[in-house]
Amino acid sequence: MPWRESARARGRRIGAVMRKELRVLLRDRFYLFMALLLPLLTLIIMGYGMTSDVKNLPLGVFDADQSAASRRFLAAFTSSGYFRLAATVWDDDALEDALQAGRVRVGVVIPPGFGRDLLRGEAQSQILIDASFLSRAEITRGYAGAVVAQFNHDQLAALALRIPGAGAGRTEVDVVSRVWYNPALESRNFIVPGLVVVSLLFWAPILVSLSVTREKESGAILNIQTAPLARWEYIIGKLIPYAAITFGGYLLLLLGALGLFGLPLRGSVSLLTAAALVFVVATTALGLVISVLVRTQIAALLIAGTLVMAVGLFYSGWLTPIDALDTSGRLVSRTLPTAEFMGLVRGVFLKGLGWTSYGGTVLVLGGYALAFVLLSVAGFRKRRR
């Protein structure tokens, strides 16, 4: 029948474009490296390099009291796992010098009479924090406050054992906090899922946009523009091989997140994989949109890199929650599918969620993919022979 013959002809034309692209990919090892290994290297380098955990932070101590109480107070810091004793000094100037030189990041000053004042409930101490790394300083201050609070709690408990009813006149609220989804507060569990998303977003558009613009620079695009090939056939023929290669990169990223970083995967693997496939199609189509609008590889690289860094990174919800952005920021975050996929990836990895919670998100990702494909088809121009 005519329509079947037409479908076969279209399939042959799309297959011809796909075979050509696969030959280019297999012949050019640089493209394969960018598609498969570079995202994994990004995950490894940034996954190990980016951390907000505070452990074994070098601690400097000036203990002017030298009492049993001051030693218990300092032991509360060194036994917490957050701080390690790096320097013991005998005056304020030496502690300041150690902070300035970077030998210690936190200083604890215990004044004379600390033990005596502690018995009266009037003890004071000073904690000095190096805030040249602002985010680390905020976390360090929180940990130091938690150590002091635990020390005070232990002191009251010991006093109540020695003197029954000693705390009867105090009114206290006993707050029991529980941390869900990331009980150990490991920053790796927060950062690595986001890196999976960012790696897929960053390299897929760049890879495919460089491919099309390279054809423009070499003049090979003229053969496509004058061939009996529909615009959508060319776009689909381009899209499928690069999406398939990038999806292979996703599988490597998933294995790296589970094997190298020991990330928990509590939710639906099928949901995560299906959403990743749709997201890969969307990001590959985004690269096609960029490529049909510019003429050179340099322009494609700059536009793709800027778009990914400006929107995909800072408005993705990776480091700053989308809810914390203002109205304009939330609108910008919706120009790319990154924020939707970021929430899904973290929900699957950490919260154990599945299709019931994120089935609609997969449809939204499909909407982004369809929109980018249509834009790339509309932007591609054919020439009359």
Protein backbone atom coordinates (compact mmCIF):
# COMPACT_ATOMS: atom_id res chain seq x y z
CA MET A 1 0.00 0.00 0.00
CA PRO A 2 1.23 3.58 -0.67
CA TRP A 3 1.31 4.63 2.97
CA ARG A 4 3.28 1.53 3.95
CA GLU A 5 5.77 2.18 1.16
CA SER A 6 6.06 5.75 2.32
CA ALA A 7 6.69 4.61 5.90
CA ARG A 8 9.39 2.21 4.69
CA ALA A 9 11.02 4.96 2.66
CA ARG A 10 11.03 7.30 5.63
CA GLY A 11 12.45 4.55 7.82
CA ARG A 12 15.24 3.96 5.29
CA ARG A 13 16.09 7.66 5.17
CA ILE A 14 16.13 7.97 8.97
CA GLY A 15 18.21 4.78 9.18
CA ALA A 16 20.71 6.20 6.69
CA VAL A 17 21.20 9.31 8.83
CA MET A 18 21.55 7.16 11.95
CA ARG A 19 24.15 4.90 10.33
CA LYS A 20 26.15 7.91 9.20
CA GLU A 21 26.13 9.36 12.71
CA LEU A 22 27.09 6.04 14.27
CA ARG A 23 30.04 5.74 11.90
CA VAL A 24 31.16 9.24 12.88
CA LEU A 25 30.84 8.42 16.57
CA LEU A 26 32.71 5.13 16.29
CA ARG A 27 35.44 6.67 14.11
CA ASP A 28 36.00 9.72 16.34
CA ARG A 29 37.17 8.56 19.76
CA PHE A 30 36.94 12.08 21.15
CA TYR A 31 33.17 12.07 20.75
CA LEU A 32 32.91 8.68 22.42
CA PHE A 33 35.10 9.95 25.25
CA MET A 34 32.87 12.99 25.72
CA ALA A 35 29.70 10.93 25.64
CA LEU A 36 30.71 8.01 27.85
CA LEU A 37 33.76 8.67 29.98
CA LEU A 38 33.77 12.43 30.52
CA PRO A 39 30.47 12.45 32.49
CA LEU A 40 31.81 9.63 34.67
CA LEU A 41 35.08 11.51 35.25
CA THR A 42 33.07 14.60 36.18
CA LEU A 43 31.13 12.54 38.70
CA ILE A 44 34.28 11.09 40.25
CA ILE A 45 36.26 14.34 40.43
CA MET A 46 33.44 16.52 41.72
CA GLY A 47 31.91 13.79 43.87
CA TYR A 48 35.11 13.37 45.85
CA GLY A 49 36.13 17.03 45.67
CA MET A 50 32.85 18.69 46.62
CA THR A 51 31.91 18.07 50.23
CA SER A 52 30.41 20.16 53.00
CA ASP A 53 31.15 17.61 55.72
CA VAL A 54 33.20 18.84 58.66
CA LYS A 55 35.34 16.05 60.05
CA ASN A 56 38.66 16.10 61.90
CA LEU A 57 38.83 19.88 61.70
CA PRO A 58 42.15 21.07 63.24
CA LEU A 59 41.50 22.46 66.72
CA GLY A 60 43.72 24.83 68.69
CA VAL A 61 43.37 25.05 72.48
CA PHE A 62 44.39 27.65 75.06
CA ASP A 63 43.47 26.21 78.46
CA ALA A 64 44.28 28.78 81.13
CA ASP A 65 42.42 26.81 83.82
CA GLN A 66 44.07 23.37 83.59
CA SER A 67 41.35 21.78 85.69
CA ALA A 68 39.50 18.49 85.45
CA ALA A 69 36.43 20.40 84.24
CA SER A 70 38.34 22.13 81.43
CA ARG A 71 39.81 18.82 80.31
CA ARG A 72 36.32 17.27 80.18
CA PHE A 73 35.12 20.26 78.15
CA LEU A 74 37.96 19.86 75.63
CA ALA A 75 37.43 16.10 75.48
CA ALA A 76 33.85 16.74 74.39
CA PHE A 77 35.27 18.41 71.26
CA THR A 78 38.00 15.91 70.42
CA SER A 79 35.79 12.86 71.00
CA SER A 80 32.98 14.15 68.77
CA GLY A 81 34.73 13.19 65.51
CA TYR A 82 34.28 16.70 64.14
CA PHE A 83 37.48 18.15 65.62
CA ARG A 84 41.01 16.90 66.19
CA LEU A 85 43.52 18.49 68.54
CA ALA A 86 46.17 20.11 66.35
CA ALA A 87 47.80 22.66 68.68
CA THR A 88 47.96 23.41 72.41
CA VAL A 89 49.17 26.94 73.13
CA TRP A 90 49.79 28.98 76.28
CA ASP A 91 48.58 32.46 75.36
CA ASP A 92 46.02 34.22 73.17
CA ASP A 93 48.61 35.53 70.71
CA ALA A 94 49.90 32.05 69.89
CA LEU A 95 46.34 30.85 69.20
CA GLU A 96 45.73 33.85 66.95
CA ASP A 97 48.95 33.13 65.06
CA ALA A 98 47.90 29.51 64.53
CA LEU A 99 44.54 30.63 63.13
CA GLN A 100 46.16 33.15 60.82
CA ALA A 101 48.66 30.60 59.54
CA GLY A 102 45.88 28.10 58.87
CA ARG A 103 47.37 25.46 61.20
CA VAL A 104 44.05 25.37 63.05
CA ARG A 105 40.53 26.26 61.88
CA VAL A 106 38.88 26.45 65.30
CA GLY A 107 40.24 27.81 68.56
CA VAL A 108 38.91 27.19 72.07
CA VAL A 109 39.89 29.58 74.87
CA ILE A 110 39.20 28.47 78.46
CA PRO A 111 39.72 31.27 81.02
CA PRO A 112 41.12 30.81 84.54
CA GLY A 113 38.54 29.67 87.08
CA PHE A 114 36.49 27.76 84.51
CA GLY A 115 36.05 24.71 86.77
CA ARG A 116 35.02 26.86 89.77
CA ASP A 117 32.56 28.88 87.70
CA LEU A 118 31.11 25.71 86.19
CA LEU A 119 30.02 24.53 89.65
CA ARG A 120 28.15 27.83 90.10
CA GLY A 121 26.62 27.61 86.64
CA GLU A 122 28.50 30.71 85.42
CA ALA A 123 31.32 29.23 83.33
CA GLN A 124 32.26 30.90 80.07
CA SER A 125 34.48 29.91 77.19
CA GLN A 126 35.37 31.41 73.83
CA ILE A 127 35.29 29.63 70.48
CA LEU A 128 37.14 31.20 67.55
CA ILE A 129 36.21 30.03 64.03
CA ASP A 130 38.13 30.68 60.82
CA ALA A 131 35.42 32.04 58.50
CA SER A 132 37.57 32.42 55.39
CA PHE A 133 35.48 29.48 54.10
CA LEU A 134 32.02 30.80 54.87
CA SER A 135 29.94 27.66 54.33
CA ARG A 136 32.36 25.56 56.38
CA ALA A 137 32.35 28.19 59.13
CA GLU A 138 28.55 28.06 59.42
CA ILE A 139 28.61 24.27 59.68
CA THR A 140 31.49 24.39 62.15
CA ARG A 141 29.60 26.84 64.36
CA GLY A 142 26.61 24.52 64.36
CA TYR A 143 28.75 21.52 65.33
CA ALA A 144 30.51 23.47 68.05
CA GLY A 145 27.16 24.59 69.44
CA ALA A 146 25.95 20.98 69.44
CA VAL A 147 29.07 19.84 71.32
CA VAL A 148 28.60 22.54 73.97
CA ALA A 149 24.89 21.74 74.31
CA GLN A 150 25.68 18.05 74.83
CA PHE A 151 28.34 18.94 77.40
CA ASN A 152 25.85 21.09 79.33
CA HIS A 153 23.27 18.29 79.22
CA ASP A 154 25.80 15.81 80.59
CA GLN A 155 26.77 18.24 83.37
CA LEU A 156 23.14 18.65 84.46
CA ALA A 157 22.63 14.89 84.41
CA ALA A 158 25.74 14.34 86.56
CA LEU A 159 24.61 17.06 88.99
CA ALA A 160 21.18 15.45 89.33
CA LEU A 161 22.82 12.13 90.22
CA ARG A 162 25.01 13.71 92.90
CA ILE A 163 22.35 16.00 94.34
CA PRO A 164 18.80 14.63 93.89
CA GLY A 165 16.36 17.38 93.04
CA ALA A 166 19.10 19.81 92.06
CA GLY A 167 17.34 20.54 88.78
CA ALA A 168 13.82 20.64 90.14
CA GLY A 169 13.56 24.38 89.75
CA ARG A 170 14.46 24.29 86.06
CA THR A 171 11.87 24.13 83.28
CA GLU A 172 13.24 22.46 80.18
CA VAL A 173 11.91 21.22 76.86
CA ASP A 174 13.49 17.94 75.83
CA VAL A 175 13.68 18.07 72.03
CA VAL A 176 14.33 14.80 70.24
CA SER A 177 15.22 15.39 66.57
CA ARG A 178 15.29 12.73 63.89
CA VAL A 179 16.91 13.19 60.52
CA TRP A 180 15.09 11.45 57.69
CA TYR A 181 16.37 10.26 54.29
CA ASN A 182 20.01 11.09 55.08
CA PRO A 183 20.47 10.13 58.75
CA ALA A 184 24.27 10.41 58.73
CA LEU A 185 24.05 13.89 57.15
CA GLU A 186 26.57 12.80 54.51
CA SER A 187 26.98 15.55 51.93
CA ARG A 188 27.91 12.87 49.38
CA ASN A 189 24.34 11.54 49.47
CA PHE A 190 23.16 15.04 48.57
CA ILE A 191 25.82 16.02 46.03
CA VAL A 192 26.28 12.86 43.96
CA PRO A 193 22.65 12.47 42.75
CA GLY A 194 22.78 16.08 41.62
CA LEU A 195 26.04 15.41 39.79
CA VAL A 196 24.35 12.62 37.83
CA VAL A 197 21.77 15.13 36.61
CA VAL A 198 24.26 17.92 35.90
CA SER A 199 26.64 15.61 34.03
CA LEU A 200 23.86 14.41 31.73
CA LEU A 201 22.71 17.98 31.14
CA PHE A 202 26.16 19.39 30.49
CA TRP A 203 27.67 16.97 27.98
CA ALA A 204 24.71 15.81 25.86
CA PRO A 205 23.81 19.24 24.35
CA ILE A 206 27.45 20.07 23.74
CA LEU A 207 28.13 16.76 22.00
CA VAL A 208 25.27 16.92 19.50
CA SER A 209 25.53 20.66 18.85
CA LEU A 210 29.21 20.28 17.94
CA SER A 211 28.29 17.48 15.52
CA VAL A 212 25.79 19.55 13.52
CA THR A 213 27.87 22.73 13.49
CA ARG A 214 30.88 20.73 12.32
CA GLU A 215 28.85 19.68 9.29
CA LYS A 216 28.02 23.34 8.69
CA GLU A 217 31.66 24.38 8.87
CA SER A 218 32.79 21.61 6.53
CA GLY A 219 29.94 22.19 4.07
CA ALA A 220 28.60 18.64 4.46
CA ILE A 221 25.29 20.08 5.63
CA LEU A 222 24.58 21.15 2.03
CA ASN A 223 24.21 17.49 1.06
CA ILE A 224 21.55 17.11 3.76
CA GLN A 225 19.79 20.34 2.91
CA THR A 226 19.40 19.39 -0.76
CA ALA A 227 18.68 15.67 -0.26
CA PRO A 228 15.13 14.26 -0.54
CA LEU A 229 14.97 14.14 3.24
CA ALA A 230 12.33 15.74 5.42
CA ARG A 231 13.48 18.04 8.19
CA TRP A 232 12.03 15.85 10.92
CA GLU A 233 13.68 12.79 9.41
CA TYR A 234 17.09 14.42 9.66
CA ILE A 235 16.45 15.57 13.25
CA ILE A 236 15.24 12.13 14.38
CA GLY A 237 18.14 10.44 12.59
CA LYS A 238 20.54 12.73 14.44
CA LEU A 239 18.75 12.47 17.78
CA ILE A 240 18.57 8.70 18.23
CA PRO A 241 22.31 7.78 18.03
CA TYR A 242 23.42 10.61 20.33
CA ALA A 243 20.61 9.95 22.80
CA ALA A 244 21.55 6.27 22.83
CA ILE A 245 25.23 7.02 23.47
CA THR A 246 24.35 9.52 26.19
CA PHE A 247 22.01 7.00 27.80
CA GLY A 248 24.97 4.62 27.94
CA GLY A 249 26.76 7.40 29.84
CA TYR A 250 23.85 7.49 32.29
CA LEU A 251 24.26 3.77 32.98
CA LEU A 252 27.95 4.35 33.76
CA LEU A 253 27.02 7.26 36.03
CA LEU A 254 24.52 5.08 37.87
CA LEU A 255 27.10 2.34 38.36
CA GLY A 256 29.62 4.92 39.56
CA ALA A 257 27.18 6.44 42.06
CA LEU A 258 26.34 3.02 43.49
CA GLY A 259 29.73 1.35 43.27
CA LEU A 260 32.23 4.14 43.91
CA PHE A 261 30.23 6.27 46.34
CA GLY A 262 28.01 3.61 47.91
CA LEU A 263 24.93 5.74 47.36
CA PRO A 264 21.65 4.22 48.59
CA LEU A 265 19.09 3.52 45.88
CA ARG A 266 15.86 3.04 47.81
CA GLY A 267 13.26 3.75 45.13
CA SER A 268 12.18 2.42 41.76
CA VAL A 269 15.04 1.64 39.39
CA SER A 270 12.62 1.37 36.48
CA LEU A 271 11.29 4.88 37.19
CA LEU A 272 14.79 6.32 37.43
CA THR A 273 15.89 4.66 34.19
CA ALA A 274 12.76 5.64 32.26
CA ALA A 275 13.01 9.24 33.47
CA ALA A 276 16.73 9.32 32.60
CA LEU A 277 15.96 8.13 29.07
CA VAL A 278 13.36 10.87 28.56
CA PHE A 279 15.69 13.45 30.11
CA VAL A 280 18.52 12.36 27.79
CA VAL A 281 16.24 12.76 24.77
CA ALA A 282 15.29 16.24 26.00
CA THR A 283 18.88 17.37 26.53
CA THR A 284 20.01 15.90 23.20
CA ALA A 285 17.15 17.72 21.46
CA LEU A 286 18.23 20.89 23.27
CA GLY A 287 21.64 20.50 21.64
CA LEU A 288 19.93 20.18 18.26
CA VAL A 289 18.02 23.42 18.91
CA ILE A 290 21.30 25.20 19.61
CA SER A 291 23.02 23.67 16.59
CA VAL A 292 20.36 24.71 14.07
CA LEU A 293 20.54 28.30 15.29
CA VAL A 294 24.32 28.86 15.08
CA ARG A 295 26.93 28.26 12.39
CA THR A 296 30.19 27.46 14.17
CA GLN A 297 31.34 24.96 16.77
CA ILE A 298 32.76 27.74 18.95
CA ALA A 299 29.39 29.50 19.06
CA ALA A 300 27.61 26.23 19.84
CA LEU A 301 30.08 25.45 22.62
CA LEU A 302 29.73 28.90 24.18
CA ILE A 303 25.94 28.95 24.02
CA ALA A 304 25.52 25.39 25.29
CA GLY A 305 28.06 25.90 28.08
CA THR A 306 26.57 29.22 29.16
CA LEU A 307 23.01 27.90 29.08
CA VAL A 308 23.93 24.85 31.10
CA MET A 309 26.00 26.76 33.65
CA ALA A 310 23.65 29.72 34.05
CA VAL A 311 20.34 27.85 34.12
CA GLY A 312 21.00 24.16 34.45
CA LEU A 313 23.45 24.52 37.33
CA PHE A 314 22.34 27.52 39.37
CA TYR A 315 18.59 27.10 38.81
CA SER A 316 18.39 23.31 38.98
CA GLY A 317 17.78 22.88 42.69
CA TRP A 318 21.12 21.13 43.09
CA LEU A 319 22.76 23.49 45.57
CA THR A 320 19.86 25.88 46.27
CA PRO A 321 16.28 24.62 46.66
CA ILE A 322 13.88 25.87 44.01
CA ASP A 323 11.48 26.91 46.77
CA ALA A 324 14.13 29.30 48.09
CA LEU A 325 14.25 31.22 44.79
CA ASP A 326 12.10 34.24 44.08
CA THR A 327 9.35 34.19 41.45
CA SER A 328 11.64 35.13 38.58
CA GLY A 329 14.18 32.50 39.63
CA ARG A 330 11.52 29.79 39.70
CA LEU A 331 10.40 30.82 36.22
CA VAL A 332 13.97 30.62 34.90
CA SER A 333 14.36 27.16 36.43
CA ARG A 334 11.45 25.92 34.33
CA THR A 335 13.10 26.76 31.01
CA LEU A 336 15.07 23.50 31.26
CA PRO A 337 13.96 20.09 32.55
CA THR A 338 16.78 19.94 35.09
CA ALA A 339 14.79 20.97 38.17
CA GLU A 340 12.11 18.35 37.50
CA PHE A 341 14.64 15.58 36.97
CA MET A 342 16.71 16.70 39.98
CA GLY A 343 13.75 16.30 42.32
CA LEU A 344 12.95 12.90 40.86
CA VAL A 345 16.52 11.60 41.18
CA ARG A 346 16.81 12.64 44.82
CA GLY A 347 13.37 11.29 45.60
CA VAL A 348 14.25 7.89 44.13
CA PHE A 349 17.73 7.68 45.65
CA LEU A 350 17.06 9.01 49.14
CA LYS A 351 13.31 8.83 49.80
CA GLY A 352 12.53 5.53 48.13
CA LEU A 353 9.75 6.95 45.96
CA GLY A 354 8.35 5.39 42.78
CA TRP A 355 5.89 5.76 39.94
CA THR A 356 3.02 6.87 42.15
CA SER A 357 4.93 9.97 43.23
CA TYR A 358 6.78 10.80 40.02
CA GLY A 359 4.76 9.38 37.14
CA GLY A 360 3.57 12.90 36.34
CA THR A 361 7.16 14.15 36.36
CA VAL A 362 8.07 11.69 33.61
CA LEU A 363 5.24 13.14 31.51
CA VAL A 364 6.54 16.66 32.14
CA LEU A 365 10.01 15.57 31.02
CA GLY A 366 8.41 14.11 27.91
CA GLY A 367 6.80 17.49 27.25
CA TYR A 368 10.23 19.16 27.38
CA ALA A 369 11.62 16.55 24.98
CA LEU A 370 8.77 17.01 22.51
CA ALA A 371 9.05 20.80 22.67
CA PHE A 372 12.80 20.78 21.97
CA VAL A 373 12.39 18.32 19.09
CA LEU A 374 9.70 20.49 17.50
CA LEU A 375 11.86 23.61 17.94
CA SER A 376 14.83 21.91 16.27
CA VAL A 377 12.66 20.74 13.36
CA ALA A 378 11.24 24.25 12.95
CA GLY A 379 14.71 25.79 13.07
CA PHE A 380 16.32 23.49 10.51
CA ARG A 381 16.20 24.98 7.04
CA LYS A 382 16.15 22.95 3.83
CA ARG A 383 17.38 24.27 0.47
CA ARG A 384 15.69 23.76 -2.84
CA ARG A 385 17.73 21.79 -5.35
